Structure formats: C-alpha cells, structure tokens
PDB file of N, CA and C in Angstrom:
ATOM      1  N   MET A   1      -6.457 -33.204  54.758  1.00  0.00           N
ATOM      2  CA  MET A   1      -5.440 -33.130  53.859  1.00  0.00           C
ATOM      3  C   MET A   1      -5.437 -34.651  53.381  1.00  0.00           C
ATOM      4  N   PRO A   2      -5.835 -34.600  51.920  1.00  0.00           N
ATOM      5  CA  PRO A   2      -5.922 -35.890  51.387  1.00  0.00           C
ATOM      6  C   PRO A   2      -4.282 -36.796  51.091  1.00  0.00           C
ATOM      7  N   GLY A   3      -4.591 -37.889  51.245  1.00  0.00           N
ATOM      8  CA  GLY A   3      -3.347 -38.209  51.178  1.00  0.00           C
ATOM      9  C   GLY A   3      -2.989 -38.951  49.242  1.00  0.00           C
ATOM     10  N   ALA A   4      -1.743 -39.574  49.551  1.00  0.00           N
ATOM     11  CA  ALA A   4      -1.684 -39.662  48.070  1.00  0.00           C
ATOM     12  C   ALA A   4      -2.616 -40.417  46.911  1.00  0.00           C
ATOM     13  N   LYS A   5      -2.668 -40.073  46.000  1.00  0.00           N
ATOM     14  CA  LYS A   5      -3.609 -40.788  45.177  1.00  0.00           C
ATOM     15  C   LYS A   5      -2.901 -42.457  45.229  1.00  0.00           C
ATOM     16  N   ARG A   6      -4.245 -43.447  44.984  1.00  0.00           N
ATOM     17  CA  ARG A   6      -3.720 -44.530  45.165  1.00  0.00           C
ATOM     18  C   ARG A   6      -4.576 -45.727  43.513  1.00  0.00           C
ATOM     19  N   TYR A   7      -3.233 -46.140  42.604  1.00  0.00           N
ATOM     20  CA  TYR A   7      -4.326 -47.016  41.770  1.00  0.00           C
ATOM     21  C   TYR A   7      -3.830 -48.110  41.637  1.00  0.00           C
ATOM     22  N   PRO A   8      -4.752 -49.484  41.083  1.00  0.00           N
ATOM     23  CA  PRO A   8      -4.085 -50.813  41.116  1.00  0.00           C
ATOM     24  C   PRO A   8      -2.908 -51.206  40.426  1.00  0.00           C
ATOM     25  N   ARG A   9      -2.617 -52.229  40.512  1.00  0.00           N
ATOM     26  CA  ARG A   9      -1.077 -52.723  40.274  1.00  0.00           C
ATOM     27  C   ARG A   9      -1.336 -52.698  38.919  1.00  0.00           C
ATOM     28  N   GLU A  10      -2.496 -53.333  38.553  1.00  0.00           N
ATOM     29  CA  GLU A  10      -2.547 -54.106  37.267  1.00  0.00           C
ATOM     30  C   GLU A  10      -2.736 -52.770  36.275  1.00  0.00           C
ATOM     31  N   GLN A  11      -3.140 -51.341  37.194  1.00  0.00           N
ATOM     32  CA  GLN A  11      -3.427 -49.897  36.215  1.00  0.00           C
ATOM     33  C   GLN A  11      -1.666 -49.629  35.333  1.00  0.00           C
ATOM     34  N   TRP A  12      -0.756 -49.797  36.759  1.00  0.00           N
ATOM     35  CA  TRP A  12       0.750 -49.353  36.443  1.00  0.00           C
ATOM     36  C   TRP A  12       1.705 -50.408  35.618  1.00  0.00           C
ATOM     37  N   ASP A  13       0.645 -51.543  36.074  1.00  0.00           N
ATOM     38  CA  ASP A  13       1.506 -52.720  34.625  1.00  0.00           C
ATOM     39  C   ASP A  13       1.728 -52.149  33.523  1.00  0.00           C
ATOM     40  N   GLU A  14      -0.392 -52.024  33.023  1.00  0.00           N
ATOM     41  CA  GLU A  14      -0.181 -51.783  31.698  1.00  0.00           C
ATOM     42  C   GLU A  14       0.538 -50.269  31.545  1.00  0.00           C
ATOM     43  N   PHE A  15       0.546 -49.356  32.128  1.00  0.00           N
ATOM     44  CA  PHE A  15       1.182 -48.239  32.054  1.00  0.00           C
ATOM     45  C   PHE A  15       2.620 -48.791  31.295  1.00  0.00           C
ATOM     46  N   PHE A  16       3.264 -49.769  32.506  1.00  0.00           N
ATOM     47  CA  PHE A  16       4.383 -50.040  32.308  1.00  0.00           C
ATOM     48  C   PHE A  16       4.772 -50.457  30.643  1.00  0.00           C
ATOM     49  N   CYS A  17       4.016 -51.203  30.416  1.00  0.00           N
ATOM     50  CA  CYS A  17       4.022 -52.128  29.317  1.00  0.00           C
ATOM     51  C   CYS A  17       3.899 -51.288  27.924  1.00  0.00           C
ATOM     52  N   ALA A  18       2.840 -50.548  27.956  1.00  0.00           N
ATOM     53  CA  ALA A  18       2.676 -49.238  27.263  1.00  0.00           C
ATOM     54  C   ALA A  18       4.143 -48.859  27.258  1.00  0.00           C
ATOM     55  N   LEU A  19       5.067 -48.069  27.831  1.00  0.00           N
ATOM     56  CA  LEU A  19       5.903 -47.362  27.508  1.00  0.00           C
ATOM     57  C   LEU A  19       6.731 -48.514  27.271  1.00  0.00           C
ATOM     58  N   GLU A  20       7.271 -49.459  27.716  1.00  0.00           N
ATOM     59  CA  GLU A  20       8.743 -50.415  26.890  1.00  0.00           C
ATOM     60  C   GLU A  20       7.634 -50.796  25.344  1.00  0.00           C
ATOM     61  N   ALA A  21       6.759 -50.718  24.879  1.00  0.00           N
ATOM     62  CA  ALA A  21       6.201 -51.169  23.615  1.00  0.00           C
ATOM     63  C   ALA A  21       6.790 -49.603  22.661  1.00  0.00           C
ATOM     64  N   LEU A  22       6.747 -48.443  23.206  1.00  0.00           N
ATOM     65  CA  LEU A  22       7.475 -47.341  22.430  1.00  0.00           C
ATOM     66  C   LEU A  22       8.751 -47.678  21.348  1.00  0.00           C
ATOM     67  N   PRO A  23       8.157 -47.353  20.323  1.00  0.00           N
ATOM     68  CA  PRO A  23       9.492 -47.250  19.690  1.00  0.00           C
ATOM     69  C   PRO A  23      10.221 -45.933  19.936  1.00  0.00           C
ATOM     70  N   GLU A  24      11.465 -46.117  19.399  1.00  0.00           N
ATOM     71  CA  GLU A  24      12.835 -45.186  19.418  1.00  0.00           C
ATOM     72  C   GLU A  24      11.985 -44.102  18.647  1.00  0.00           C
ATOM     73  N   LYS A  25      12.220 -42.687  18.979  1.00  0.00           N
ATOM     74  CA  LYS A  25      12.101 -41.702  18.480  1.00  0.00           C
ATOM     75  C   LYS A  25      13.374 -41.390  17.502  1.00  0.00           C
ATOM     76  N   PRO A  26      12.774 -41.258  16.362  1.00  0.00           N
ATOM     77  CA  PRO A  26      13.837 -40.467  15.441  1.00  0.00           C
ATOM     78  C   PRO A  26      14.607 -39.417  16.090  1.00  0.00           C
ATOM     79  N   ARG A  27      16.071 -39.583  16.146  1.00  0.00           N
ATOM     80  CA  ARG A  27      17.139 -38.464  16.311  1.00  0.00           C
ATOM     81  C   ARG A  27      16.382 -37.030  16.389  1.00  0.00           C
ATOM     82  N   SER A  28      16.385 -37.217  14.624  1.00  0.00           N
ATOM     83  CA  SER A  28      15.532 -35.958  14.175  1.00  0.00           C
ATOM     84  C   SER A  28      14.652 -34.749  14.642  1.00  0.00           C
ATOM     85  N   GLU A  29      14.060 -35.790  15.622  1.00  0.00           N
ATOM     86  CA  GLU A  29      12.962 -34.878  16.450  1.00  0.00           C
ATOM     87  C   GLU A  29      12.894 -35.140  18.078  1.00  0.00           C
ATOM     88  N   GLN A  30      13.426 -35.888  18.623  1.00  0.00           N
ATOM     89  CA  GLN A  30      14.078 -36.150  19.898  1.00  0.00           C
ATOM     90  C   GLN A  30      14.579 -34.213  20.509  1.00  0.00           C
ATOM     91  N   ARG A  31      14.332 -33.990  21.131  1.00  0.00           N
ATOM     92  CA  ARG A  31      14.610 -32.773  21.762  1.00  0.00           C
ATOM     93  C   ARG A  31      15.758 -32.299  23.008  1.00  0.00           C
ATOM     94  N   VAL A  32      16.072 -31.711  23.426  1.00  0.00           N
ATOM     95  CA  VAL A  32      17.754 -32.045  23.877  1.00  0.00           C
ATOM     96  C   VAL A  32      17.341 -30.269  24.315  1.00  0.00           C
ATOM     97  N   THR A  33      18.071 -30.310  25.540  1.00  0.00           N
ATOM     98  CA  THR A  33      18.866 -28.994  26.472  1.00  0.00           C
ATOM     99  C   THR A  33      20.091 -28.735  26.322  1.00  0.00           C
ATOM    100  N   VAL A  34      20.460 -27.493  26.383  1.00  0.00           N
ATOM    101  CA  VAL A  34      21.182 -26.672  26.060  1.00  0.00           C
ATOM    102  C   VAL A  34      22.421 -28.122  27.113  1.00  0.00           C
ATOM    103  N   SER A  35      21.965 -28.282  28.111  1.00  0.00           N
ATOM    104  CA  SER A  35      23.286 -28.786  29.206  1.00  0.00           C
ATOM    105  C   SER A  35      23.349 -30.037  28.401  1.00  0.00           C
ATOM    106  N   GLU A  36      22.248 -30.852  28.196  1.00  0.00           N
ATOM    107  CA  GLU A  36      22.149 -32.352  27.544  1.00  0.00           C
ATOM    108  C   GLU A  36      23.209 -32.304  26.553  1.00  0.00           C
ATOM    109  N   ALA A  37      23.104 -31.564  25.290  1.00  0.00           N
ATOM    110  CA  ALA A  37      23.905 -31.157  24.253  1.00  0.00           C
ATOM    111  C   ALA A  37      24.992 -30.985  24.197  1.00  0.00           C
ATOM    112  N   MET A  38      25.250 -30.233  25.095  1.00  0.00           N
ATOM    113  CA  MET A  38      27.003 -30.181  25.578  1.00  0.00           C
ATOM    114  C   MET A  38      27.792 -30.929  26.050  1.00  0.00           C
ATOM    115  N   LYS A  39      26.689 -31.811  27.094  1.00  0.00           N
ATOM    116  CA  LYS A  39      27.224 -33.399  27.582  1.00  0.00           C
ATOM    117  C   LYS A  39      28.289 -33.943  26.393  1.00  0.00           C
ATOM    118  N   GLU A  40      26.777 -34.046  25.566  1.00  0.00           N
ATOM    119  CA  GLU A  40      27.043 -34.963  24.459  1.00  0.00           C
ATOM    120  C   GLU A  40      28.355 -34.338  23.384  1.00  0.00           C
ATOM    121  N   MET A  41      28.304 -32.890  23.319  1.00  0.00           N
ATOM    122  CA  MET A  41      29.928 -32.858  22.593  1.00  0.00           C
ATOM    123  C   MET A  41      31.195 -32.277  23.304  1.00  0.00           C
ATOM    124  N   ARG A  42      30.908 -32.787  24.583  1.00  0.00           N
ATOM    125  CA  ARG A  42      32.539 -32.158  25.251  1.00  0.00           C
ATOM    126  C   ARG A  42      33.443 -32.705  24.587  1.00  0.00           C
ATOM    127  N   ALA A  43      33.602 -33.549  24.119  1.00  0.00           N
ATOM    128  CA  ALA A  43      34.772 -34.582  23.678  1.00  0.00           C
ATOM    129  C   ALA A  43      35.119 -33.964  22.396  1.00  0.00           C
ATOM    130  N   GLN A  44      34.332 -33.831  21.354  1.00  0.00           N
ATOM    131  CA  GLN A  44      34.069 -32.958  20.069  1.00  0.00           C
ATOM    132  C   GLN A  44      34.975 -31.668  20.641  1.00  0.00           C
ATOM    133  N   ILE A  45      34.320 -30.767  21.566  1.00  0.00           N
ATOM    134  CA  ILE A  45      34.882 -29.394  21.780  1.00  0.00           C
ATOM    135  C   ILE A  45      36.817 -29.533  22.246  1.00  0.00           C
ATOM    136  N   VAL A  46      36.742 -30.701  22.948  1.00  0.00           N
ATOM    137  CA  VAL A  46      37.808 -30.549  23.775  1.00  0.00           C
ATOM    138  C   VAL A  46      39.312 -30.505  22.425  1.00  0.00           C
ATOM    139  N   ALA A  47      39.029 -31.830  21.952  1.00  0.00           N
ATOM    140  CA  ALA A  47      39.662 -32.316  20.528  1.00  0.00           C
ATOM    141  C   ALA A  47      39.785 -30.935  19.568  1.00  0.00           C
ATOM    142  N   THR A  48      38.590 -30.142  19.237  1.00  0.00           N
ATOM    143  CA  THR A  48      38.407 -28.955  18.795  1.00  0.00           C
ATOM    144  C   THR A  48      39.584 -27.867  18.958  1.00  0.00           C
ATOM    145  N   ARG A  49      39.505 -27.940  20.169  1.00  0.00           N
ATOM    146  CA  ARG A  49      40.307 -26.981  21.053  1.00  0.00           C
ATOM    147  C   ARG A  49      41.704 -27.170  20.867  1.00  0.00           C
ATOM    148  N   ALA A  50      42.099 -28.617  21.401  1.00  0.00           N
ATOM    149  CA  ALA A  50      43.423 -28.812  21.031  1.00  0.00           C
ATOM    150  C   ALA A  50      43.762 -28.579  19.509  1.00  0.00           C
ATOM    151  N   LYS A  51      43.088 -28.422  18.548  1.00  0.00           N
ATOM    152  CA  LYS A  51      43.839 -27.706  17.157  1.00  0.00           C
ATOM    153  C   LYS A  51      44.070 -26.577  17.452  1.00  0.00           C
ATOM    154  N   GLY A  52      43.490 -25.612  18.532  1.00  0.00           N
ATOM    155  CA  GLY A  52      43.535 -24.417  18.587  1.00  0.00           C
ATOM    156  C   GLY A  52      42.723 -23.393  18.129  1.00  0.00           C
ATOM    157  N   TYR A  53      41.669 -23.991  17.966  1.00  0.00           N
ATOM    158  CA  TYR A  53      40.408 -23.194  18.415  1.00  0.00           C
ATOM    159  C   TYR A  53      40.085 -22.447  19.272  1.00  0.00           C
ATOM    160  N   THR A  54      39.827 -21.311  19.302  1.00  0.00           N
ATOM    161  CA  THR A  54      39.041 -20.964  20.602  1.00  0.00           C
ATOM    162  C   THR A  54      37.473 -21.111  21.099  1.00  0.00           C
ATOM    163  N   LEU A  55      37.166 -21.101  22.234  1.00  0.00           N
ATOM    164  CA  LEU A  55      35.475 -21.306  21.929  1.00  0.00           C
ATOM    165  C   LEU A  55      34.620 -20.279  21.366  1.00  0.00           C
ATOM    166  N   ALA A  56      35.325 -19.199  20.880  1.00  0.00           N
ATOM    167  CA  ALA A  56      34.451 -17.933  20.269  1.00  0.00           C
ATOM    168  C   ALA A  56      34.226 -18.727  18.563  1.00  0.00           C
ATOM    169  N   GLU A  57      35.107 -19.126  18.465  1.00  0.00           N
ATOM    170  CA  GLU A  57      35.424 -20.026  16.919  1.00  0.00           C
ATOM    171  C   GLU A  57      34.720 -21.164  16.843  1.00  0.00           C
ATOM    172  N   ILE A  58      34.561 -21.654  18.036  1.00  0.00           N
ATOM    173  CA  ILE A  58      33.861 -23.038  17.949  1.00  0.00           C
ATOM    174  C   ILE A  58      32.137 -22.701  17.763  1.00  0.00           C
ATOM    175  N   ASN A  59      31.262 -21.675  18.589  1.00  0.00           N
ATOM    176  CA  ASN A  59      30.482 -21.785  19.232  1.00  0.00           C
ATOM    177  C   ASN A  59      29.955 -20.591  17.309  1.00  0.00           C
ATOM    178  N   HIS A  60      30.667 -19.939  16.816  1.00  0.00           N
ATOM    179  CA  HIS A  60      30.607 -18.992  15.355  1.00  0.00           C
ATOM    180  C   HIS A  60      31.335 -19.780  14.133  1.00  0.00           C
ATOM    181  N   PRO A  61      30.964 -21.103  14.021  1.00  0.00           N
ATOM    182  CA  PRO A  61      31.738 -21.377  12.897  1.00  0.00           C
ATOM    183  C   PRO A  61      31.088 -20.862  11.835  1.00  0.00           C
ATOM    184  N   GLY A  62      32.335 -20.526  10.629  1.00  0.00           N
ATOM    185  CA  GLY A  62      32.098 -19.590   9.499  1.00  0.00           C
ATOM    186  C   GLY A  62      31.881 -18.076   9.792  1.00  0.00           C
ATOM    187  N   GLY A  63      32.183 -17.752  10.734  1.00  0.00           N
ATOM    188  CA  GLY A  63      32.418 -16.250  11.721  1.00  0.00           C
ATOM    189  C   GLY A  63      30.782 -15.843  11.366  1.00  0.00           C
ATOM    190  N   GLY A  64      29.496 -16.209  11.707  1.00  0.00           N
ATOM    191  CA  GLY A  64      28.499 -16.066  11.767  1.00  0.00           C
ATOM    192  C   GLY A  64      28.502 -15.387  12.432  1.00  0.00           C
ATOM    193  N   GLU A  65      26.803 -14.440  12.779  1.00  0.00           N
ATOM    194  CA  GLU A  65      26.441 -13.917  14.313  1.00  0.00           C
ATOM    195  C   GLU A  65      25.208 -14.269  14.377  1.00  0.00           C
ATOM    196  N   SER A  66      25.051 -14.205  15.720  1.00  0.00           N
ATOM    197  CA  SER A  66      23.670 -14.915  16.501  1.00  0.00           C
ATOM    198  C   SER A  66      23.292 -14.187  17.655  1.00  0.00           C
ATOM    199  N   ARG A  67      22.003 -14.135  17.426  1.00  0.00           N
ATOM    200  CA  ARG A  67      21.163 -13.010  18.899  1.00  0.00           C
ATOM    201  C   ARG A  67      20.943 -14.389  20.232  1.00  0.00           C
ATOM    202  N   VAL A  68      21.752 -13.430  20.970  1.00  0.00           N
ATOM    203  CA  VAL A  68      21.778 -14.673  22.348  1.00  0.00           C
ATOM    204  C   VAL A  68      21.286 -13.447  23.422  1.00  0.00           C
ATOM    205  N   ARG A  69      21.157 -13.970  24.144  1.00  0.00           N
ATOM    206  CA  ARG A  69      20.383 -13.095  25.872  1.00  0.00           C
ATOM    207  C   ARG A  69      22.536 -12.504  26.095  1.00  0.00           C
ATOM    208  N   CYS A  70      22.031 -11.234  26.450  1.00  0.00           N
ATOM    209  CA  CYS A  70      23.482 -10.253  27.004  1.00  0.00           C
ATOM    210  C   CYS A  70      23.778 -10.945  28.146  1.00  0.00           C
ATOM    211  N   GLN A  71      25.054 -11.531  28.093  1.00  0.00           N
ATOM    212  CA  GLN A  71      26.040 -11.610  29.317  1.00  0.00           C
ATOM    213  C   GLN A  71      26.052 -10.835  29.930  1.00  0.00           C
ATOM    214  N   HIS A  72      26.100  -9.291  29.947  1.00  0.00           N
ATOM    215  CA  HIS A  72      26.535  -8.127  31.096  1.00  0.00           C
ATOM    216  C   HIS A  72      24.995  -7.964  31.549  1.00  0.00           C
ATOM    217  N   TRP A  73      23.604  -8.059  30.994  1.00  0.00           N
ATOM    218  CA  TRP A  73      22.253  -7.444  31.451  1.00  0.00           C
ATOM    219  C   TRP A  73      21.419  -8.638  31.102  1.00  0.00           C
ATOM    220  N   ARG A  74      21.325  -9.665  31.815  1.00  0.00           N
ATOM    221  CA  ARG A  74      20.440 -11.110  31.614  1.00  0.00           C
ATOM    222  C   ARG A  74      19.402 -10.658  30.678  1.00  0.00           C
ATOM    223  N   SER A  75      18.619  -9.391  30.496  1.00  0.00           N
ATOM    224  CA  SER A  75      17.480  -9.309  29.952  1.00  0.00           C
ATOM    225  C   SER A  75      17.572  -8.605  28.812  1.00  0.00           C
ATOM    226  N   GLN A  76      18.564  -7.929  28.310  1.00  0.00           N
ATOM    227  CA  GLN A  76      18.676  -7.706  27.070  1.00  0.00           C
ATOM    228  C   GLN A  76      19.710  -8.915  26.333  1.00  0.00           C
ATOM    229  N   ILE A  77      19.051  -8.410  24.842  1.00  0.00           N
ATOM    230  CA  ILE A  77      19.277  -9.503  23.572  1.00  0.00           C
ATOM    231  C   ILE A  77      20.613  -8.871  22.871  1.00  0.00           C
ATOM    232  N   CYS A  78      21.458  -9.496  22.823  1.00  0.00           N
ATOM    233  CA  CYS A  78      22.590  -8.278  22.096  1.00  0.00           C
ATOM    234  C   CYS A  78      23.152  -9.534  20.518  1.00  0.00           C
ATOM    235  N   VAL A  79      23.985  -9.137  19.606  1.00  0.00           N
ATOM    236  CA  VAL A  79      24.315  -9.531  18.459  1.00  0.00           C
ATOM    237  C   VAL A  79      25.805 -10.286  19.340  1.00  0.00           C
ATOM    238  N   VAL A  80      26.066 -10.805  18.846  1.00  0.00           N
ATOM    239  CA  VAL A  80      27.166 -11.578  19.174  1.00  0.00           C
ATOM    240  C   VAL A  80      27.476 -12.554  17.807  1.00  0.00           C
ATOM    241  N   SER A  81      29.117 -11.751  17.505  1.00  0.00           N
ATOM    242  CA  SER A  81      29.870 -12.667  16.826  1.00  0.00           C
ATOM    243  C   SER A  81      31.364 -12.744  17.230  1.00  0.00           C
ATOM    244  N   PRO A  82      32.459 -13.791  16.169  1.00  0.00           N
ATOM    245  CA  PRO A  82      33.403 -14.290  16.818  1.00  0.00           C
ATOM    246  C   PRO A  82      34.241 -12.762  17.352  1.00  0.00           C
ATOM    247  N   GLY A  83      34.125 -11.750  17.175  1.00  0.00           N
ATOM    248  CA  GLY A  83      34.935 -10.906  18.131  1.00  0.00           C
ATOM    249  C   GLY A  83      34.214 -10.413  19.002  1.00  0.00           C
ATOM    250  N   GLY A  84      32.914 -11.251  19.098  1.00  0.00           N
ATOM    251  CA  GLY A  84      32.527 -10.701  20.956  1.00  0.00           C
ATOM    252  C   GLY A  84      30.920 -10.082  21.150  1.00  0.00           C
ATOM    253  N   CYS A  85      30.887  -9.525  22.437  1.00  0.00           N
ATOM    254  CA  CYS A  85      29.636  -9.057  22.323  1.00  0.00           C
ATOM    255  C   CYS A  85      29.223  -7.607  21.466  1.00  0.00           C
ATOM    256  N   ARG A  86      28.454  -7.227  20.815  1.00  0.00           N
ATOM    257  CA  ARG A  86      28.078  -5.686  20.856  1.00  0.00           C
ATOM    258  C   ARG A  86      27.105  -5.051  21.499  1.00  0.00           C
ATOM    259  N   CYS A  87      26.922  -5.146  22.421  1.00  0.00           N
ATOM    260  CA  CYS A  87      26.046  -4.627  23.164  1.00  0.00           C
ATOM    261  C   CYS A  87      25.567  -3.607  23.417  1.00  0.00           C
ATOM    262  N   GLN A  88      23.947  -3.442  23.342  1.00  0.00           N
ATOM    263  CA  GLN A  88      23.466  -1.959  23.069  1.00  0.00           C
ATOM    264  C   GLN A  88      22.481  -1.653  24.827  1.00  0.00           C
ATOM    265  N   CYS A  89      23.430  -2.532  25.389  1.00  0.00           N
ATOM    266  CA  CYS A  89      22.783  -1.949  26.978  1.00  0.00           C
ATOM    267  C   CYS A  89      23.458  -0.795  27.742  1.00  0.00           C
TER     268      CYS A  89
END
C-alpha cells in the first residue's frame, strides 16, 4: 500500500503565499450553508421572537409560500405557508 504523497516544502510555501494573496470575495458571491446562515442570524431571530413573532412568521415574511422538503416524508416536496404544511403525502 503506497504511503502519503510528499511534496517539497517550497511548493507548499508557494501555495500558502498564493492563498494569502487572494482578495476577499464579495459578500454577494460567497456561498453559505443553511447551518452557517442560521448561526449568523441567531441573534436577529431571537430579537424578532422577543417582539412576539413566531418562527413560522419569521420564516415566511409577508405571508409567502415556499416549496420545501416535507417534514413528514423527507422524500416529498410540499407547499409550506405560514399556516403550516399542506402535504400531499
């Protein structure tokens, strides 16, 4: 079984220098996971809940609908509105 690949230290140093030289990507082009976004928004969500809003109202400002993976059957797609899930499961 072959061992781990080895590279010259100089090649790694060049790679690290290239990474450090990269400019910050514009915020509008940065991709984030839902988990990362929720961590960033947690304080805002808590403050909004303190104003009396429910999570459903926070999730759907303006009363809009969205299509999400169903909570009951993870393989189904449902229409979710502030009134709840309208499953066709």
